[in-house]
Amino acid sequence: MKIAIVGCGFVADFYMQSLPLYPRLELVAVMDRDKKRAAEFAAFHGLNCLRPALDDILGDPDIGMVLNLTNPDSHYEVSKACLAAGKNVYSEKPLAMRLDHAKDLYELAQSRGLAITSAPCNVLSETAQTLWKALREERAGPVKLVYAEMDDGMVHRMPYRKWLSDSGRPWPWKDEFEVGCTLEHAGYYVTWLTAFFGPAVSVTAFSSCLYPDKRTDAPLDREAPDFSVACIRFANGVVARLTCSIVAKRDQRLQFFGDHGVLSVDDSWNYREKVHLRRFIDIRRRTILLPWARTIPLANAPRAAKPRRNANPMEFCRGPDEVAAAVEQGRRSYLPADWCLHNNEVVLAIHNALENSSTYAITTTFAPIEPVPWAI
């Protein structure tokens, strides 16, 4: 499928790292509202497909899908324009900054028979799919409780001004701090939990901006959570506690507490992170968790080539490739639109609890999704 990239900032270079692994995707157009940035991106990657404006992409009948890699505040406007022009859309997270906007995109895509999907796609990783299989097989017994940590360290005290992508794009600190850690990071585990356990029915959340002053070179236009904690209740009875922050020390553990043991992963951002299983044993009147863990062999995803050395451990183009395959094969995607909308609502429920603890009843749902064939 011929694709276009809209938005040539920091994250676009990560998509370019994994693009060679997915020959189904043929990049035929790139553009950015900052023409200098677009030109430098195209030159660095040796691309001869620079387009001066979004309309040039929307008017090209050969382009089947647009990767919307713009800043989050532009996601809704750009995605809506692409859908209106008959293009399938793969958007960076979040799908939209407001639930009514996310629903609007979903309904527009449905009415036109188009795909609308949003990152992250790490549920397609070897780690997530292996973990999902272990849960289906009840390797730790039936699971009732999940602890998910998505803490990334005290980012505002890190040398983030020196963080550059391959083509020299600086880390977009203004967008990151103004959008907040929840909308930026919670989806990495929310997507796993909804895939594994089905729709969520309620979210009880608290969010706070603990450091309004992020030591930025210019004032931020709005405050957003740099810490959030939520209890998510799923329709099947499972409860998950999710913590997000850019304050607490880095911790991305995910633990599933079953009747017979604990399944765990240390880092969702690594597509080939190990999956561990530790068993409970009963000794006299106590139940203890064995100190040693068994590593569950990872399922192997097919790929056209090996990832580039020092590339990001997340293969960003795995999601667009799956959407393109689903469109071409006329099947339901493993990253379906109703699921993406549901995830967007769950994350927004946590994000919007800024300084106001509340229980929010989820209004969306989705048809069950299936594990990918290579991991069954």
Foldseek 3Di string as FASTA:
>chain_A
DEEEEEDQFQCVLLLVLQVVFFVVYHYQEYEYCPRVSQVLSCVLSVHPRYDHDPVVVLPDPVHAEYEYEHQQQCLLVSLVSNLVSVHAYEYEFDNHLDLVSLVVSLVSCVVSVHFYFYDDPLCQFLVLLQVLVCQVVCVQAPFAEKEWEAEAEQVLPDPQQPDAHPSGHGDPVLSDFQSEFLRNPVLLVLLSVCQNQFFWFKKWKEFEQPCCCSVDPDHHPDGFGQWMWIWTAHPVNHIYIYITHHHDHGWGKMWTHHPFWIWIFTHSQQSQTWIWTWTWDDDDPDIDTDPDIDTDDTQDDDTPDDRDPPRRNRNRCVVVSQSSVCVVVVHAGLRGSLSSSSSSQNSSVHRVNYRNGDMDTRDGGDDRHDRDPSSD
